[in-house]
């Protein structure tokens, strides 16, 4: 198979911002909306996706020469399912409470479009190191997306940040009434509102940057 394509460093950097899974590719939105009412659940999901994506990309790259075009999606899915099962059993054994909180969203990682897409776009076509760096970059981008949404939702919804793990309270219990927590932020509507606002901010920043770059090009 062809080795042409972006380098390992380019793959890594593109996954964080330029091809951010949440704000640019708009992939993996189901877990993004479902598990971001607290930082603990968001980071657990991010860690799970990191493990599965890295392992799946590396293994897919190693066997890329054996892949048959008509069977590749099946192989991707079976490979991902194996590592998701490992992650799910690990959480059930060592992080039981978090495993119960995340519920069906861990098994759903098997059909997460981010992971399948990276197997198809990168791992099935490029070397192991490039596939590894691509997986790490995309996972960091996904983690940034989850963290940004979870930070806003947990602070406004519970008044804490990493409240269950670190016990950090941002909004004091004795805060005035108009600073009290917003219940809507820990409910599904809060997830949609937060994601929409953050995507709007990202698009505004990109538009401003593009306009500035265009103006600089014209001036030159």
C-alpha atoms as a PDB file:
ATOM      1  CA  UNK A   1       0.000   0.000   0.000  1.00  0.00           C
ATOM      2  CA  UNK A   2       1.089   3.550  -0.611  1.00  0.00           C
ATOM      3  CA  UNK A   3       3.128   5.344   2.011  1.00  0.00           C
ATOM      4  CA  UNK A   4       2.318   8.769   0.632  1.00  0.00           C
ATOM      5  CA  UNK A   5       0.613  11.253   2.912  1.00  0.00           C
ATOM      6  CA  UNK A   6       1.263  13.671   5.749  1.00  0.00           C
ATOM      7  CA  UNK A   7       4.236  13.004   7.995  1.00  0.00           C
ATOM      8  CA  UNK A   8       3.897  11.757  11.577  1.00  0.00           C
ATOM      9  CA  UNK A   9       4.385  15.264  12.977  1.00  0.00           C
ATOM     10  CA  UNK A  10       1.808  16.706  10.580  1.00  0.00           C
ATOM     11  CA  UNK A  11      -0.684  14.007  11.514  1.00  0.00           C
ATOM     12  CA  UNK A  12      -0.126  14.715  15.197  1.00  0.00           C
ATOM     13  CA  UNK A  13      -0.505  18.497  14.925  1.00  0.00           C
ATOM     14  CA  UNK A  14      -3.485  18.336  12.556  1.00  0.00           C
ATOM     15  CA  UNK A  15      -5.440  16.197  15.002  1.00  0.00           C
ATOM     16  CA  UNK A  16      -5.254  18.749  17.804  1.00  0.00           C
ATOM     17  CA  UNK A  17      -6.702  21.871  16.153  1.00  0.00           C
ATOM     18  CA  UNK A  18      -6.882  21.914  12.304  1.00  0.00           C
ATOM     19  CA  UNK A  19      -8.696  18.554  12.168  1.00  0.00           C
ATOM     20  CA  UNK A  20     -10.102  18.571  15.697  1.00  0.00           C
ATOM     21  CA  UNK A  21     -12.635  15.698  15.881  1.00  0.00           C
ATOM     22  CA  UNK A  22     -15.199  17.726  17.845  1.00  0.00           C
ATOM     23  CA  UNK A  23     -15.029  21.212  16.372  1.00  0.00           C
ATOM     24  CA  UNK A  24     -13.735  20.551  12.857  1.00  0.00           C
ATOM     25  CA  UNK A  25     -14.751  17.050  11.815  1.00  0.00           C
ATOM     26  CA  UNK A  26     -17.822  16.961  14.115  1.00  0.00           C
ATOM     27  CA  UNK A  27     -17.286  13.275  14.898  1.00  0.00           C
ATOM     28  CA  UNK A  28     -18.013  11.352  18.081  1.00  0.00           C
ATOM     29  CA  UNK A  29     -20.760  13.790  19.030  1.00  0.00           C
ATOM     30  CA  UNK A  30     -22.879  11.176  20.855  1.00  0.00           C
ATOM     31  CA  UNK A  31     -20.369  10.600  23.712  1.00  0.00           C
ATOM     32  CA  UNK A  32     -19.370  14.261  23.557  1.00  0.00           C
ATOM     33  CA  UNK A  33     -22.898  15.310  24.468  1.00  0.00           C
ATOM     34  CA  UNK A  34     -23.600  12.407  26.825  1.00  0.00           C
ATOM     35  CA  UNK A  35     -20.594  12.307  29.163  1.00  0.00           C
ATOM     36  CA  UNK A  36     -19.513  15.940  29.525  1.00  0.00           C
ATOM     37  CA  UNK A  37     -21.586  17.027  32.518  1.00  0.00           C
ATOM     38  CA  UNK A  38     -18.534  16.367  34.719  1.00  0.00           C
ATOM     39  CA  UNK A  39     -14.801  16.477  34.084  1.00  0.00           C
ATOM     40  CA  UNK A  40     -14.336  13.013  35.576  1.00  0.00           C
ATOM     41  CA  UNK A  41     -16.583  11.277  33.066  1.00  0.00           C
ATOM     42  CA  UNK A  42     -15.199  13.362  30.197  1.00  0.00           C
ATOM     43  CA  UNK A  43     -11.600  12.502  31.031  1.00  0.00           C
ATOM     44  CA  UNK A  44     -12.436   8.817  31.496  1.00  0.00           C
ATOM     45  CA  UNK A  45     -14.030   8.745  28.053  1.00  0.00           C
ATOM     46  CA  UNK A  46     -11.055  10.612  26.586  1.00  0.00           C
ATOM     47  CA  UNK A  47      -8.658   8.096  28.136  1.00  0.00           C
ATOM     48  CA  UNK A  48     -10.704   5.202  26.770  1.00  0.00           C
ATOM     49  CA  UNK A  49     -10.704   6.656  23.260  1.00  0.00           C
ATOM     50  CA  UNK A  50      -6.947   7.297  23.499  1.00  0.00           C
ATOM     51  CA  UNK A  51      -6.263   3.660  24.423  1.00  0.00           C
ATOM     52  CA  UNK A  52      -8.568   2.206  21.782  1.00  0.00           C
ATOM     53  CA  UNK A  53      -7.496   4.594  19.013  1.00  0.00           C
ATOM     54  CA  UNK A  54      -3.767   4.121  19.589  1.00  0.00           C
ATOM     55  CA  UNK A  55      -4.023   0.328  19.783  1.00  0.00           C
ATOM     56  CA  UNK A  56      -6.366   0.080  16.777  1.00  0.00           C
ATOM     57  CA  UNK A  57      -4.264   2.395  14.622  1.00  0.00           C
ATOM     58  CA  UNK A  58      -1.029   0.589  15.444  1.00  0.00           C
ATOM     59  CA  UNK A  59      -2.460  -2.890  14.843  1.00  0.00           C
ATOM     60  CA  UNK A  60      -4.192  -1.810  11.631  1.00  0.00           C
ATOM     61  CA  UNK A  61      -0.962  -0.307  10.352  1.00  0.00           C
ATOM     62  CA  UNK A  62       0.926  -3.510  11.144  1.00  0.00           C
ATOM     63  CA  UNK A  63      -1.484  -5.635   9.101  1.00  0.00           C
ATOM     64  CA  UNK A  64      -2.224  -3.070   6.385  1.00  0.00           C
ATOM     65  CA  UNK A  65      -0.503  -5.200   3.759  1.00  0.00           C
ATOM     66  CA  UNK A  66      -2.953  -8.039   4.454  1.00  0.00           C
ATOM     67  CA  UNK A  67      -6.130  -5.972   4.316  1.00  0.00           C
ATOM     68  CA  UNK A  68      -8.581  -6.769   1.537  1.00  0.00           C
ATOM     69  CA  UNK A  69     -10.621  -3.792   0.260  1.00  0.00           C
ATOM     70  CA  UNK A  70     -13.994  -5.507   0.691  1.00  0.00           C
ATOM     71  CA  UNK A  71     -13.168  -6.694   4.227  1.00  0.00           C
ATOM     72  CA  UNK A  72     -11.345  -3.684   5.650  1.00  0.00           C
ATOM     73  CA  UNK A  73     -14.318  -2.149   7.527  1.00  0.00           C
ATOM     74  CA  UNK A  74     -15.078  -5.522   9.111  1.00  0.00           C
ATOM     75  CA  UNK A  75     -11.448  -5.875  10.189  1.00  0.00           C
ATOM     76  CA  UNK A  76     -11.441  -2.329  11.586  1.00  0.00           C
ATOM     77  CA  UNK A  77     -14.607  -3.013  13.585  1.00  0.00           C
ATOM     78  CA  UNK A  78     -13.378  -6.317  15.005  1.00  0.00           C
ATOM     79  CA  UNK A  79     -10.034  -4.778  15.925  1.00  0.00           C
ATOM     80  CA  UNK A  80     -11.686  -1.831  17.654  1.00  0.00           C
ATOM     81  CA  UNK A  81     -14.175  -4.128  19.423  1.00  0.00           C
ATOM     82  CA  UNK A  82     -11.345  -6.166  20.933  1.00  0.00           C
ATOM     83  CA  UNK A  83      -9.678  -3.130  22.491  1.00  0.00           C
ATOM     84  CA  UNK A  84     -12.993  -1.626  23.608  1.00  0.00           C
ATOM     85  CA  UNK A  85     -13.748  -4.865  25.436  1.00  0.00           C
ATOM     86  CA  UNK A  86     -10.391  -4.635  27.228  1.00  0.00           C
ATOM     87  CA  UNK A  87     -11.086  -1.017  28.206  1.00  0.00           C
ATOM     88  CA  UNK A  88     -14.632  -1.828  29.339  1.00  0.00           C
ATOM     89  CA  UNK A  89     -13.505  -4.721  31.537  1.00  0.00           C
ATOM     90  CA  UNK A  90     -10.696  -2.610  33.006  1.00  0.00           C
ATOM     91  CA  UNK A  91     -13.137   0.136  33.986  1.00  0.00           C
ATOM     92  CA  UNK A  92     -15.561  -2.391  35.437  1.00  0.00           C
ATOM     93  CA  UNK A  93     -12.763  -3.919  37.516  1.00  0.00           C
ATOM     94  CA  UNK A  94     -10.901  -0.828  38.723  1.00  0.00           C
ATOM     95  CA  UNK A  95     -13.315   2.114  38.232  1.00  0.00           C
ATOM     96  CA  UNK A  96     -16.663   0.474  38.848  1.00  0.00           C
ATOM     97  CA  UNK A  97     -18.566   3.635  39.780  1.00  0.00           C
ATOM     98  CA  UNK A  98     -17.342   5.445  36.668  1.00  0.00           C
ATOM     99  CA  UNK A  99     -18.125   2.383  34.576  1.00  0.00           C
ATOM    100  CA  UNK A 100     -21.734   2.554  35.773  1.00  0.00           C
ATOM    101  CA  UNK A 101     -21.908   6.297  35.070  1.00  0.00           C
ATOM    102  CA  UNK A 102     -20.687   5.909  31.499  1.00  0.00           C
ATOM    103  CA  UNK A 103     -22.954   2.920  30.977  1.00  0.00           C
ATOM    104  CA  UNK A 104     -23.479   2.013  27.300  1.00  0.00           C
ATOM    105  CA  UNK A 105     -21.252   4.788  25.988  1.00  0.00           C
ATOM    106  CA  UNK A 106     -18.091   2.729  26.456  1.00  0.00           C
ATOM    107  CA  UNK A 107     -19.309  -0.148  24.230  1.00  0.00           C
ATOM    108  CA  UNK A 108     -20.467   2.459  21.704  1.00  0.00           C
ATOM    109  CA  UNK A 109     -16.817   3.417  21.186  1.00  0.00           C
ATOM    110  CA  UNK A 110     -16.742   0.385  18.867  1.00  0.00           C
ATOM    111  CA  UNK A 111     -18.681   2.381  16.267  1.00  0.00           C
ATOM    112  CA  UNK A 112     -17.105   5.739  17.095  1.00  0.00           C
ATOM    113  CA  UNK A 113     -16.569   7.446  13.741  1.00  0.00           C
ATOM    114  CA  UNK A 114     -13.300   9.015  14.916  1.00  0.00           C
ATOM    115  CA  UNK A 115     -11.614   5.639  15.365  1.00  0.00           C
ATOM    116  CA  UNK A 116     -12.964   4.012  12.222  1.00  0.00           C
ATOM    117  CA  UNK A 117     -12.065   7.123  10.208  1.00  0.00           C
ATOM    118  CA  UNK A 118      -8.459   7.144  11.425  1.00  0.00           C
ATOM    119  CA  UNK A 119      -8.061   3.455  10.600  1.00  0.00           C
ATOM    120  CA  UNK A 120      -9.321   4.146   7.088  1.00  0.00           C
ATOM    121  CA  UNK A 121      -7.596   7.488   6.458  1.00  0.00           C
ATOM    122  CA  UNK A 122      -4.215   6.891   8.075  1.00  0.00           C
ATOM    123  CA  UNK A 123      -3.475   3.512   9.652  1.00  0.00           C
ATOM    124  CA  UNK A 124      -4.463   1.424   6.610  1.00  0.00           C
ATOM    125  CA  UNK A 125      -2.191   3.504   4.361  1.00  0.00           C
ATOM    126  CA  UNK A 126       0.835   4.618   6.391  1.00  0.00           C
ATOM    127  CA  UNK A 127       3.507   3.219   8.702  1.00  0.00           C
ATOM    128  CA  UNK A 128       3.225   2.349  12.369  1.00  0.00           C
ATOM    129  CA  UNK A 129       4.907   5.496  13.719  1.00  0.00           C
ATOM    130  CA  UNK A 130       2.730   7.784  11.603  1.00  0.00           C
ATOM    131  CA  UNK A 131      -0.383   5.848  12.645  1.00  0.00           C
ATOM    132  CA  UNK A 132       0.635   6.104  16.298  1.00  0.00           C
ATOM    133  CA  UNK A 133       1.220   9.862  16.120  1.00  0.00           C
ATOM    134  CA  UNK A 134      -2.044  10.330  14.245  1.00  0.00           C
ATOM    135  CA  UNK A 135      -3.916   8.451  16.976  1.00  0.00           C
ATOM    136  CA  UNK A 136      -2.304  10.496  19.752  1.00  0.00           C
ATOM    137  CA  UNK A 137      -3.031  13.800  17.992  1.00  0.00           C
ATOM    138  CA  UNK A 138      -6.659  12.930  17.288  1.00  0.00           C
ATOM    139  CA  UNK A 139      -7.106  11.694  20.868  1.00  0.00           C
ATOM    140  CA  UNK A 140      -5.691  14.927  22.272  1.00  0.00           C
ATOM    141  CA  UNK A 141      -8.004  16.907  20.009  1.00  0.00           C
ATOM    142  CA  UNK A 142     -10.963  14.847  21.203  1.00  0.00           C
ATOM    143  CA  UNK A 143      -9.871  15.331  24.817  1.00  0.00           C
ATOM    144  CA  UNK A 144      -9.675  19.114  24.329  1.00  0.00           C
ATOM    145  CA  UNK A 145     -13.193  19.071  22.934  1.00  0.00           C
ATOM    146  CA  UNK A 146     -14.525  17.068  25.872  1.00  0.00           C
ATOM    147  CA  UNK A 147     -12.622  19.156  28.430  1.00  0.00           C
ATOM    148  CA  UNK A 148     -13.840  22.488  27.059  1.00  0.00           C
ATOM    149  CA  UNK A 149     -17.473  21.388  27.114  1.00  0.00           C
ATOM    150  CA  UNK A 150     -17.223  19.596  30.468  1.00  0.00           C
ATOM    151  CA  UNK A 151     -15.500  22.558  32.121  1.00  0.00           C
ATOM    152  CA  UNK A 152     -18.348  24.906  31.272  1.00  0.00           C
ATOM    153  CA  UNK A 153     -21.088  22.401  32.094  1.00  0.00           C
ATOM    154  CA  UNK A 154     -19.664  21.275  35.434  1.00  0.00           C
ATOM    155  CA  UNK A 155     -18.849  24.779  36.656  1.00  0.00           C
ATOM    156  CA  UNK A 156     -22.264  26.176  35.727  1.00  0.00           C
ATOM    157  CA  UNK A 157     -24.187  23.011  36.591  1.00  0.00           C
ATOM    158  CA  UNK A 158     -22.493  21.885  39.818  1.00  0.00           C
ATOM    159  CA  UNK A 159     -20.300  24.846  40.747  1.00  0.00           C
ATOM    160  CA  UNK A 160     -17.248  22.556  40.813  1.00  0.00           C
ATOM    161  CA  UNK A 161     -14.360  21.504  38.573  1.00  0.00           C
ATOM    162  CA  UNK A 162     -13.110  17.938  39.010  1.00  0.00           C
ATOM    163  CA  UNK A 163     -15.421  17.972  42.001  1.00  0.00           C
ATOM    164  CA  UNK A 164     -15.565  14.215  42.563  1.00  0.00           C
ATOM    165  CA  UNK A 165     -11.849  13.600  42.191  1.00  0.00           C
ATOM    166  CA  UNK A 166     -10.270  16.803  43.528  1.00  0.00           C
ATOM    167  CA  UNK A 167     -13.158  18.499  45.294  1.00  0.00           C
ATOM    168  CA  UNK A 168     -12.489  21.883  43.683  1.00  0.00           C
ATOM    169  CA  UNK A 169     -15.418  24.262  44.132  1.00  0.00           C
ATOM    170  CA  UNK A 170     -15.542  27.236  41.764  1.00  0.00           C
ATOM    171  CA  UNK A 171     -18.895  28.745  42.732  1.00  0.00           C
ATOM    172  CA  UNK A 172     -19.119  28.964  46.553  1.00  0.00           C
ATOM    173  CA  UNK A 173     -22.076  27.398  48.275  1.00  0.00           C
ATOM    174  CA  UNK A 174     -22.794  30.826  49.815  1.00  0.00           C
ATOM    175  CA  UNK A 175     -22.833  32.589  46.416  1.00  0.00           C
ATOM    176  CA  UNK A 176     -25.702  35.039  45.736  1.00  0.00           C
ATOM    177  CA  UNK A 177     -28.823  33.623  44.168  1.00  0.00           C
ATOM    178  CA  UNK A 178     -28.022  34.940  40.670  1.00  0.00           C
ATOM    179  CA  UNK A 179     -24.709  33.039  40.825  1.00  0.00           C
ATOM    180  CA  UNK A 180     -26.322  29.759  41.817  1.00  0.00           C
ATOM    181  CA  UNK A 181     -25.802  26.688  39.663  1.00  0.00           C
ATOM    182  CA  UNK A 182     -27.825  26.133  36.495  1.00  0.00           C
ATOM    183  CA  UNK A 183     -29.501  22.728  36.486  1.00  0.00           C
ATOM    184  CA  UNK A 184     -30.035  22.888  32.727  1.00  0.00           C
ATOM    185  CA  UNK A 185     -26.275  22.648  32.167  1.00  0.00           C
ATOM    186  CA  UNK A 186     -26.090  19.100  33.533  1.00  0.00           C
ATOM    187  CA  UNK A 187     -29.054  17.998  31.412  1.00  0.00           C
ATOM    188  CA  UNK A 188     -29.026  17.147  27.667  1.00  0.00           C
ATOM    189  CA  UNK A 189     -30.106  20.672  26.589  1.00  0.00           C
ATOM    190  CA  UNK A 190     -27.043  22.068  28.358  1.00  0.00           C
ATOM    191  CA  UNK A 191     -24.803  19.842  26.256  1.00  0.00           C
ATOM    192  CA  UNK A 192     -26.331  21.075  23.004  1.00  0.00           C
ATOM    193  CA  UNK A 193     -26.192  24.715  24.105  1.00  0.00           C
ATOM    194  CA  UNK A 194     -22.556  24.485  25.189  1.00  0.00           C
ATOM    195  CA  UNK A 195     -21.432  22.630  22.063  1.00  0.00           C
ATOM    196  CA  UNK A 196     -23.252  25.091  19.812  1.00  0.00           C
ATOM    197  CA  UNK A 197     -21.769  28.132  21.527  1.00  0.00           C
ATOM    198  CA  UNK A 198     -18.231  26.740  21.500  1.00  0.00           C
ATOM    199  CA  UNK A 199     -18.501  25.755  17.845  1.00  0.00           C
ATOM    200  CA  UNK A 200     -19.720  29.271  17.093  1.00  0.00           C
ATOM    201  CA  UNK A 201     -16.715  30.736  18.905  1.00  0.00           C
ATOM    202  CA  UNK A 202     -14.336  28.436  17.018  1.00  0.00           C
ATOM    203  CA  UNK A 203     -15.886  29.393  13.681  1.00  0.00           C
ATOM    204  CA  UNK A 204     -15.690  33.099  14.563  1.00  0.00           C
ATOM    205  CA  UNK A 205     -12.013  32.788  15.472  1.00  0.00           C
ATOM    206  CA  UNK A 206     -11.303  30.906  12.242  1.00  0.00           C
ATOM    207  CA  UNK A 207     -13.160  33.512  10.187  1.00  0.00           C
ATOM    208  CA  UNK A 208     -11.215  36.348  11.824  1.00  0.00           C
ATOM    209  CA  UNK A 209      -7.926  34.519  11.257  1.00  0.00           C
ATOM    210  CA  UNK A 210      -8.776  33.838   7.601  1.00  0.00           C
ATOM    211  CA  UNK A 211      -9.773  37.462   7.019  1.00  0.00           C
ATOM    212  CA  UNK A 212      -6.539  38.687   8.622  1.00  0.00           C
ATOM    213  CA  UNK A 213      -4.470  36.271   6.516  1.00  0.00           C
ATOM    214  CA  UNK A 214      -6.266  37.337   3.334  1.00  0.00           C
ATOM    215  CA  UNK A 215      -5.698  40.993   4.137  1.00  0.00           C
ATOM    216  CA  UNK A 216      -2.007  40.338   4.746  1.00  0.00           C
ATOM    217  CA  UNK A 217      -1.733  38.497   1.423  1.00  0.00           C
ATOM    218  CA  UNK A 218      -3.375  41.349  -0.473  1.00  0.00           C
ATOM    219  CA  UNK A 219      -1.150  43.912   1.227  1.00  0.00           C
ATOM    220  CA  UNK A 220       1.936  41.926   0.286  1.00  0.00           C
END
